[in-house]
PDB file of N, CA and C in Angstrom:
ATOM      1  N   MET A   1     -14.886  -7.302  -9.575  1.00  0.00           N
ATOM      2  CA  MET A   1     -14.468  -7.857 -10.920  1.00  0.00           C
ATOM      3  C   MET A   1     -14.513  -9.465 -10.708  1.00  0.00           C
ATOM      4  N   PHE A   2     -15.108 -10.186 -11.581  1.00  0.00           N
ATOM      5  CA  PHE A   2     -15.240 -11.656 -11.163  1.00  0.00           C
ATOM      6  C   PHE A   2     -14.540 -12.201 -12.455  1.00  0.00           C
ATOM      7  N   LEU A   3     -13.479 -13.152 -11.995  1.00  0.00           N
ATOM      8  CA  LEU A   3     -12.863 -13.733 -13.035  1.00  0.00           C
ATOM      9  C   LEU A   3     -12.513 -15.367 -12.655  1.00  0.00           C
ATOM     10  N   SER A   4     -12.949 -16.195 -13.588  1.00  0.00           N
ATOM     11  CA  SER A   4     -12.396 -17.702 -13.069  1.00  0.00           C
ATOM     12  C   SER A   4     -11.449 -17.732 -12.555  1.00  0.00           C
ATOM     13  N   ASP A   5     -11.266 -18.838 -11.704  1.00  0.00           N
ATOM     14  CA  ASP A   5      -9.776 -19.123 -11.164  1.00  0.00           C
ATOM     15  C   ASP A   5      -8.868 -19.252 -12.063  1.00  0.00           C
ATOM     16  N   HIS A   6      -8.788 -20.001 -13.159  1.00  0.00           N
ATOM     17  CA  HIS A   6      -7.659 -20.118 -14.515  1.00  0.00           C
ATOM     18  C   HIS A   6      -7.310 -18.513 -14.760  1.00  0.00           C
ATOM     19  N   ASP A   7      -8.506 -17.861 -15.176  1.00  0.00           N
ATOM     20  CA  ASP A   7      -8.117 -16.490 -15.931  1.00  0.00           C
ATOM     21  C   ASP A   7      -7.551 -15.744 -14.495  1.00  0.00           C
ATOM     22  N   TYR A   8      -7.941 -15.685 -13.389  1.00  0.00           N
ATOM     23  CA  TYR A   8      -7.514 -14.871 -12.345  1.00  0.00           C
ATOM     24  C   TYR A   8      -5.912 -15.036 -12.240  1.00  0.00           C
ATOM     25  N   GLU A   9      -5.553 -16.381 -12.273  1.00  0.00           N
ATOM     26  CA  GLU A   9      -4.049 -16.770 -11.980  1.00  0.00           C
ATOM     27  C   GLU A   9      -3.297 -16.218 -13.226  1.00  0.00           C
ATOM     28  N   HIS A  10      -3.960 -16.394 -14.396  1.00  0.00           N
ATOM     29  CA  HIS A  10      -3.051 -16.021 -15.646  1.00  0.00           C
ATOM     30  C   HIS A  10      -2.872 -14.574 -15.619  1.00  0.00           C
ATOM     31  N   LEU A  11      -3.754 -13.606 -15.282  1.00  0.00           N
ATOM     32  CA  LEU A  11      -3.832 -12.325 -15.303  1.00  0.00           C
ATOM     33  C   LEU A  11      -2.766 -11.931 -14.258  1.00  0.00           C
ATOM     34  N   ARG A  12      -2.725 -12.516 -13.048  1.00  0.00           N
ATOM     35  CA  ARG A  12      -2.048 -12.300 -11.979  1.00  0.00           C
ATOM     36  C   ARG A  12      -0.356 -12.470 -12.376  1.00  0.00           C
ATOM     37  N   ALA A  13      -0.275 -13.530 -12.662  1.00  0.00           N
ATOM     38  CA  ALA A  13       0.997 -14.161 -13.047  1.00  0.00           C
ATOM     39  C   ALA A  13       1.808 -13.424 -14.135  1.00  0.00           C
ATOM     40  N   CYS A  14       1.173 -12.760 -15.192  1.00  0.00           N
ATOM     41  CA  CYS A  14       1.684 -11.949 -16.292  1.00  0.00           C
ATOM     42  C   CYS A  14       1.626 -10.685 -15.922  1.00  0.00           C
ATOM     43  N   GLY A  15       1.080 -10.143 -14.551  1.00  0.00           N
ATOM     44  CA  GLY A  15       1.181  -8.926 -14.256  1.00  0.00           C
ATOM     45  C   GLY A  15       0.324  -7.902 -15.027  1.00  0.00           C
ATOM     46  N   PHE A  16      -0.684  -8.511 -15.539  1.00  0.00           N
ATOM     47  CA  PHE A  16      -1.750  -7.620 -16.300  1.00  0.00           C
ATOM     48  C   PHE A  16      -2.898  -7.314 -15.541  1.00  0.00           C
ATOM     49  N   LYS A  17      -3.204  -7.823 -14.187  1.00  0.00           N
ATOM     50  CA  LYS A  17      -4.404  -7.327 -13.642  1.00  0.00           C
ATOM     51  C   LYS A  17      -4.480  -6.159 -13.194  1.00  0.00           C
ATOM     52  N   PRO A  18      -3.228  -5.682 -12.210  1.00  0.00           N
ATOM     53  CA  PRO A  18      -3.136  -4.394 -11.666  1.00  0.00           C
ATOM     54  C   PRO A  18      -3.330  -3.137 -12.795  1.00  0.00           C
ATOM     55  N   LEU A  19      -2.796  -3.551 -14.027  1.00  0.00           N
ATOM     56  CA  LEU A  19      -2.906  -2.648 -15.152  1.00  0.00           C
ATOM     57  C   LEU A  19      -4.282  -2.355 -15.913  1.00  0.00           C
ATOM     58  N   LEU A  20      -4.859  -3.732 -15.659  1.00  0.00           N
ATOM     59  CA  LEU A  20      -6.329  -3.752 -16.256  1.00  0.00           C
ATOM     60  C   LEU A  20      -7.371  -2.841 -15.150  1.00  0.00           C
ATOM     61  N   MET A  21      -7.015  -3.150 -13.993  1.00  0.00           N
ATOM     62  CA  MET A  21      -7.794  -2.594 -13.076  1.00  0.00           C
ATOM     63  C   MET A  21      -7.720  -1.099 -13.029  1.00  0.00           C
ATOM     64  N   SER A  22      -6.456  -0.517 -13.114  1.00  0.00           N
ATOM     65  CA  SER A  22      -6.271   0.877 -13.080  1.00  0.00           C
ATOM     66  C   SER A  22      -6.885   1.468 -14.385  1.00  0.00           C
ATOM     67  N   LEU A  23      -7.052   0.663 -15.728  1.00  0.00           N
ATOM     68  CA  LEU A  23      -7.412   1.375 -16.801  1.00  0.00           C
ATOM     69  C   LEU A  23      -8.893   1.308 -16.688  1.00  0.00           C
ATOM     70  N   LEU A  24      -9.557   0.266 -16.024  1.00  0.00           N
ATOM     71  CA  LEU A  24     -10.884   0.371 -15.718  1.00  0.00           C
ATOM     72  C   LEU A  24     -11.663   1.357 -14.779  1.00  0.00           C
ATOM     73  N   ASP A  25     -10.586   1.807 -13.824  1.00  0.00           N
ATOM     74  CA  ASP A  25     -10.845   2.952 -12.830  1.00  0.00           C
ATOM     75  C   ASP A  25     -10.912   4.231 -13.675  1.00  0.00           C
ATOM     76  N   ASP A  26      -9.786   4.449 -14.529  1.00  0.00           N
ATOM     77  CA  ASP A  26      -9.537   5.732 -15.130  1.00  0.00           C
ATOM     78  C   ASP A  26     -10.898   5.835 -16.322  1.00  0.00           C
ATOM     79  N   LEU A  27     -11.446   4.671 -16.784  1.00  0.00           N
ATOM     80  CA  LEU A  27     -12.536   4.703 -17.692  1.00  0.00           C
ATOM     81  C   LEU A  27     -13.706   5.065 -17.032  1.00  0.00           C
ATOM     82  N   ILE A  28     -13.856   4.454 -15.813  1.00  0.00           N
ATOM     83  CA  ILE A  28     -15.102   4.744 -15.162  1.00  0.00           C
ATOM     84  C   ILE A  28     -15.128   6.220 -14.760  1.00  0.00           C
ATOM     85  N   ILE A  29     -14.135   6.822 -14.132  1.00  0.00           N
ATOM     86  CA  ILE A  29     -13.691   8.153 -13.737  1.00  0.00           C
ATOM     87  C   ILE A  29     -14.184   9.209 -14.933  1.00  0.00           C
ATOM     88  N   TYR A  30     -13.466   8.763 -15.840  1.00  0.00           N
ATOM     89  CA  TYR A  30     -13.845   9.482 -17.288  1.00  0.00           C
ATOM     90  C   TYR A  30     -15.411   9.795 -17.740  1.00  0.00           C
ATOM     91  N   ARG A  31     -15.725   8.482 -17.818  1.00  0.00           N
ATOM     92  CA  ARG A  31     -17.193   8.191 -18.194  1.00  0.00           C
ATOM     93  C   ARG A  31     -18.074   8.916 -17.349  1.00  0.00           C
ATOM     94  N   THR A  32     -17.874   8.830 -16.147  1.00  0.00           N
ATOM     95  CA  THR A  32     -18.762   9.474 -15.096  1.00  0.00           C
ATOM     96  C   THR A  32     -18.682  10.858 -15.192  1.00  0.00           C
ATOM     97  N   GLY A  33     -17.425  11.561 -15.310  1.00  0.00           N
ATOM     98  CA  GLY A  33     -17.254  12.701 -15.562  1.00  0.00           C
ATOM     99  C   GLY A  33     -17.795  13.678 -16.812  1.00  0.00           C
ATOM    100  N   CYS A  34     -18.062  12.661 -17.681  1.00  0.00           N
ATOM    101  CA  CYS A  34     -18.587  13.251 -18.900  1.00  0.00           C
ATOM    102  C   CYS A  34     -20.364  12.721 -19.154  1.00  0.00           C
ATOM    103  N   GLU A  35     -20.809  12.511 -17.987  1.00  0.00           N
ATOM    104  CA  GLU A  35     -21.962  12.319 -17.686  1.00  0.00           C
ATOM    105  C   GLU A  35     -22.795  11.060 -18.648  1.00  0.00           C
ATOM    106  N   MET A  36     -21.690  10.204 -18.993  1.00  0.00           N
ATOM    107  CA  MET A  36     -22.090   9.145 -19.782  1.00  0.00           C
ATOM    108  C   MET A  36     -22.995   8.179 -19.201  1.00  0.00           C
ATOM    109  N   ALA A  37     -23.992   7.682 -19.768  1.00  0.00           N
ATOM    110  CA  ALA A  37     -24.673   6.560 -19.155  1.00  0.00           C
ATOM    111  C   ALA A  37     -24.022   5.222 -19.073  1.00  0.00           C
ATOM    112  N   ASP A  38     -24.504   4.409 -18.324  1.00  0.00           N
ATOM    113  CA  ASP A  38     -23.974   2.960 -18.071  1.00  0.00           C
ATOM    114  C   ASP A  38     -22.197   3.185 -17.793  1.00  0.00           C
ATOM    115  N   SER A  39     -22.086   3.953 -16.829  1.00  0.00           N
ATOM    116  CA  SER A  39     -20.642   4.395 -16.777  1.00  0.00           C
ATOM    117  C   SER A  39     -19.957   3.565 -15.622  1.00  0.00           C
ATOM    118  N   ARG A  40     -20.638   2.944 -14.919  1.00  0.00           N
ATOM    119  CA  ARG A  40     -20.073   1.948 -13.698  1.00  0.00           C
ATOM    120  C   ARG A  40     -19.646   0.725 -13.722  1.00  0.00           C
ATOM    121  N   ASP A  41     -20.662   0.060 -14.460  1.00  0.00           N
ATOM    122  CA  ASP A  41     -20.570  -1.409 -14.358  1.00  0.00           C
ATOM    123  C   ASP A  41     -20.317  -2.046 -15.814  1.00  0.00           C
ATOM    124  N   GLY A  42     -19.378  -2.970 -15.993  1.00  0.00           N
ATOM    125  CA  GLY A  42     -19.118  -3.528 -17.363  1.00  0.00           C
ATOM    126  C   GLY A  42     -18.472  -4.844 -17.299  1.00  0.00           C
ATOM    127  N   PHE A  43     -18.245  -5.471 -18.452  1.00  0.00           N
ATOM    128  CA  PHE A  43     -17.358  -6.463 -18.402  1.00  0.00           C
ATOM    129  C   PHE A  43     -16.177  -6.458 -19.350  1.00  0.00           C
ATOM    130  N   VAL A  44     -14.996  -7.038 -19.214  1.00  0.00           N
ATOM    131  CA  VAL A  44     -13.941  -7.247 -20.408  1.00  0.00           C
ATOM    132  C   VAL A  44     -13.966  -8.542 -20.968  1.00  0.00           C
ATOM    133  N   THR A  45     -13.915  -8.701 -22.202  1.00  0.00           N
ATOM    134  CA  THR A  45     -13.597 -10.023 -23.033  1.00  0.00           C
ATOM    135  C   THR A  45     -12.446 -10.050 -23.441  1.00  0.00           C
ATOM    136  N   PRO A  46     -11.369 -10.770 -22.925  1.00  0.00           N
ATOM    137  CA  PRO A  46     -10.021 -10.831 -23.543  1.00  0.00           C
ATOM    138  C   PRO A  46     -10.172 -11.859 -24.660  1.00  0.00           C
ATOM    139  N   ALA A  47      -9.554 -11.664 -25.778  1.00  0.00           N
ATOM    140  CA  ALA A  47      -9.370 -12.562 -26.869  1.00  0.00           C
ATOM    141  C   ALA A  47      -8.324 -12.446 -27.545  1.00  0.00           C
ATOM    142  N   LYS A  48      -7.263 -13.409 -27.397  1.00  0.00           N
ATOM    143  CA  LYS A  48      -5.978 -13.207 -28.144  1.00  0.00           C
ATOM    144  C   LYS A  48      -5.315 -11.921 -27.943  1.00  0.00           C
ATOM    145  N   SER A  49      -5.008 -11.099 -28.894  1.00  0.00           N
ATOM    146  CA  SER A  49      -4.316  -9.772 -28.653  1.00  0.00           C
ATOM    147  C   SER A  49      -5.259  -8.579 -28.300  1.00  0.00           C
ATOM    148  N   LYS A  50      -6.622  -8.916 -28.333  1.00  0.00           N
ATOM    149  CA  LYS A  50      -7.588  -7.885 -28.239  1.00  0.00           C
ATOM    150  C   LYS A  50      -8.342  -7.872 -26.869  1.00  0.00           C
ATOM    151  N   ALA A  51      -9.214  -6.996 -26.389  1.00  0.00           N
ATOM    152  CA  ALA A  51     -10.015  -7.040 -25.258  1.00  0.00           C
ATOM    153  C   ALA A  51     -11.081  -6.048 -25.435  1.00  0.00           C
ATOM    154  N   CYS A  52     -12.049  -6.278 -25.100  1.00  0.00           N
ATOM    155  CA  CYS A  52     -13.290  -5.469 -25.577  1.00  0.00           C
ATOM    156  C   CYS A  52     -13.970  -5.093 -23.920  1.00  0.00           C
ATOM    157  N   ILE A  53     -14.293  -4.000 -23.903  1.00  0.00           N
ATOM    158  CA  ILE A  53     -15.235  -3.667 -22.725  1.00  0.00           C
ATOM    159  C   ILE A  53     -16.515  -3.299 -23.286  1.00  0.00           C
ATOM    160  N   PHE A  54     -17.529  -3.934 -22.660  1.00  0.00           N
ATOM    161  CA  PHE A  54     -19.164  -3.967 -22.695  1.00  0.00           C
ATOM    162  C   PHE A  54     -19.615  -3.225 -21.508  1.00  0.00           C
ATOM    163  N   TRP A  55     -20.097  -2.010 -21.664  1.00  0.00           N
ATOM    164  CA  TRP A  55     -20.525  -1.181 -20.328  1.00  0.00           C
ATOM    165  C   TRP A  55     -22.142  -1.542 -20.170  1.00  0.00           C
ATOM    166  N   LEU A  56     -22.575  -1.884 -18.798  1.00  0.00           N
ATOM    167  CA  LEU A  56     -23.727  -2.283 -18.464  1.00  0.00           C
ATOM    168  C   LEU A  56     -24.456  -1.188 -17.775  1.00  0.00           C
ATOM    169  N   ALA A  57     -25.609  -1.494 -17.691  1.00  0.00           N
ATOM    170  CA  ALA A  57     -26.544  -0.275 -16.936  1.00  0.00           C
ATOM    171  C   ALA A  57     -26.020  -0.330 -15.538  1.00  0.00           C
ATOM    172  N   ASP A  58     -25.886   0.782 -14.908  1.00  0.00           N
ATOM    173  CA  ASP A  58     -25.670   0.662 -13.435  1.00  0.00           C
ATOM    174  C   ASP A  58     -26.454  -0.088 -12.646  1.00  0.00           C
ATOM    175  N   GLY A  59     -25.518  -0.911 -11.941  1.00  0.00           N
ATOM    176  CA  GLY A  59     -26.030  -1.869 -10.854  1.00  0.00           C
ATOM    177  C   GLY A  59     -26.205  -3.245 -11.717  1.00  0.00           C
ATOM    178  N   ARG A  60     -25.960  -3.602 -12.770  1.00  0.00           N
ATOM    179  CA  ARG A  60     -26.342  -4.725 -13.442  1.00  0.00           C
ATOM    180  C   ARG A  60     -25.007  -5.581 -13.202  1.00  0.00           C
ATOM    181  N   GLY A  61     -23.608  -5.112 -13.243  1.00  0.00           N
ATOM    182  CA  GLY A  61     -22.568  -5.684 -12.937  1.00  0.00           C
ATOM    183  C   GLY A  61     -22.539  -6.797 -11.925  1.00  0.00           C
ATOM    184  N   GLU A  62     -22.955  -6.285 -10.645  1.00  0.00           N
ATOM    185  CA  GLU A  62     -23.110  -7.178  -9.798  1.00  0.00           C
ATOM    186  C   GLU A  62     -23.917  -8.515  -9.890  1.00  0.00           C
ATOM    187  N   ALA A  63     -24.989  -8.329 -10.599  1.00  0.00           N
ATOM    188  CA  ALA A  63     -25.791  -9.494 -10.950  1.00  0.00           C
ATOM    189  C   ALA A  63     -25.088 -10.167 -11.779  1.00  0.00           C
ATOM    190  N   LEU A  64     -24.582  -9.503 -12.906  1.00  0.00           N
ATOM    191  CA  LEU A  64     -23.770 -10.601 -13.729  1.00  0.00           C
ATOM    192  C   LEU A  64     -22.759 -11.213 -12.894  1.00  0.00           C
ATOM    193  N   ALA A  65     -21.751 -10.694 -12.126  1.00  0.00           N
ATOM    194  CA  ALA A  65     -20.763 -11.192 -11.380  1.00  0.00           C
ATOM    195  C   ALA A  65     -21.433 -12.555 -10.464  1.00  0.00           C
ATOM    196  N   ALA A  66     -22.545 -12.319 -10.010  1.00  0.00           N
ATOM    197  CA  ALA A  66     -23.112 -13.399  -9.260  1.00  0.00           C
ATOM    198  C   ALA A  66     -23.395 -14.617 -10.070  1.00  0.00           C
ATOM    199  N   ARG A  67     -24.164 -14.365 -11.178  1.00  0.00           N
ATOM    200  CA  ARG A  67     -24.295 -15.427 -12.011  1.00  0.00           C
ATOM    201  C   ARG A  67     -23.345 -16.195 -12.708  1.00  0.00           C
ATOM    202  N   CYS A  68     -22.053 -15.282 -12.876  1.00  0.00           N
ATOM    203  CA  CYS A  68     -20.960 -16.045 -13.327  1.00  0.00           C
ATOM    204  C   CYS A  68     -20.197 -16.845 -12.176  1.00  0.00           C
ATOM    205  N   GLN A  69     -20.249 -16.249 -10.940  1.00  0.00           N
ATOM    206  CA  GLN A  69     -19.586 -17.063  -9.738  1.00  0.00           C
ATOM    207  C   GLN A  69     -20.478 -18.352  -9.541  1.00  0.00           C
ATOM    208  N   ALA A  70     -21.739 -18.155  -9.516  1.00  0.00           N
ATOM    209  CA  ALA A  70     -22.727 -19.394  -9.362  1.00  0.00           C
ATOM    210  C   ALA A  70     -22.318 -20.406 -10.559  1.00  0.00           C
ATOM    211  N   ALA A  71     -22.161 -19.927 -11.709  1.00  0.00           N
ATOM    212  CA  ALA A  71     -21.765 -20.846 -12.754  1.00  0.00           C
ATOM    213  C   ALA A  71     -20.489 -21.616 -12.439  1.00  0.00           C
ATOM    214  N   GLU A  72     -19.378 -20.819 -12.087  1.00  0.00           N
ATOM    215  CA  GLU A  72     -18.159 -21.431 -11.655  1.00  0.00           C
ATOM    216  C   GLU A  72     -18.263 -22.527 -10.644  1.00  0.00           C
ATOM    217  N   ASP A  73     -19.024 -22.030  -9.753  1.00  0.00           N
ATOM    218  CA  ASP A  73     -19.205 -22.763  -8.446  1.00  0.00           C
ATOM    219  C   ASP A  73     -19.825 -24.254  -8.787  1.00  0.00           C
ATOM    220  N   ALA A  74     -20.824 -24.221  -9.839  1.00  0.00           N
ATOM    221  CA  ALA A  74     -21.522 -25.274 -10.173  1.00  0.00           C
ATOM    222  C   ALA A  74     -20.481 -26.360 -10.890  1.00  0.00           C
ATOM    223  N   LYS A  75     -19.373 -25.817 -11.383  1.00  0.00           N
ATOM    224  CA  LYS A  75     -18.467 -26.865 -12.286  1.00  0.00           C
ATOM    225  C   LYS A  75     -17.703 -27.709 -11.251  1.00  0.00           C
TER     226      LYS A  75
END
């Protein structure tokens, strides 16, 4: 999981990060068990009181995280 430093600190401080990780693990297990396509990689976009999960083709999550990390490092 990739988070900006600010987002990571905010999620950690409010105690939401372990809950989010547990939910994502459960969803991955469920999607895999149902043989759903794109069940392993995705990203979450939190906005106000909602969060959306966008599932990616397997293997694409690491590439997206690397791009996000590079952009964060360039700041």
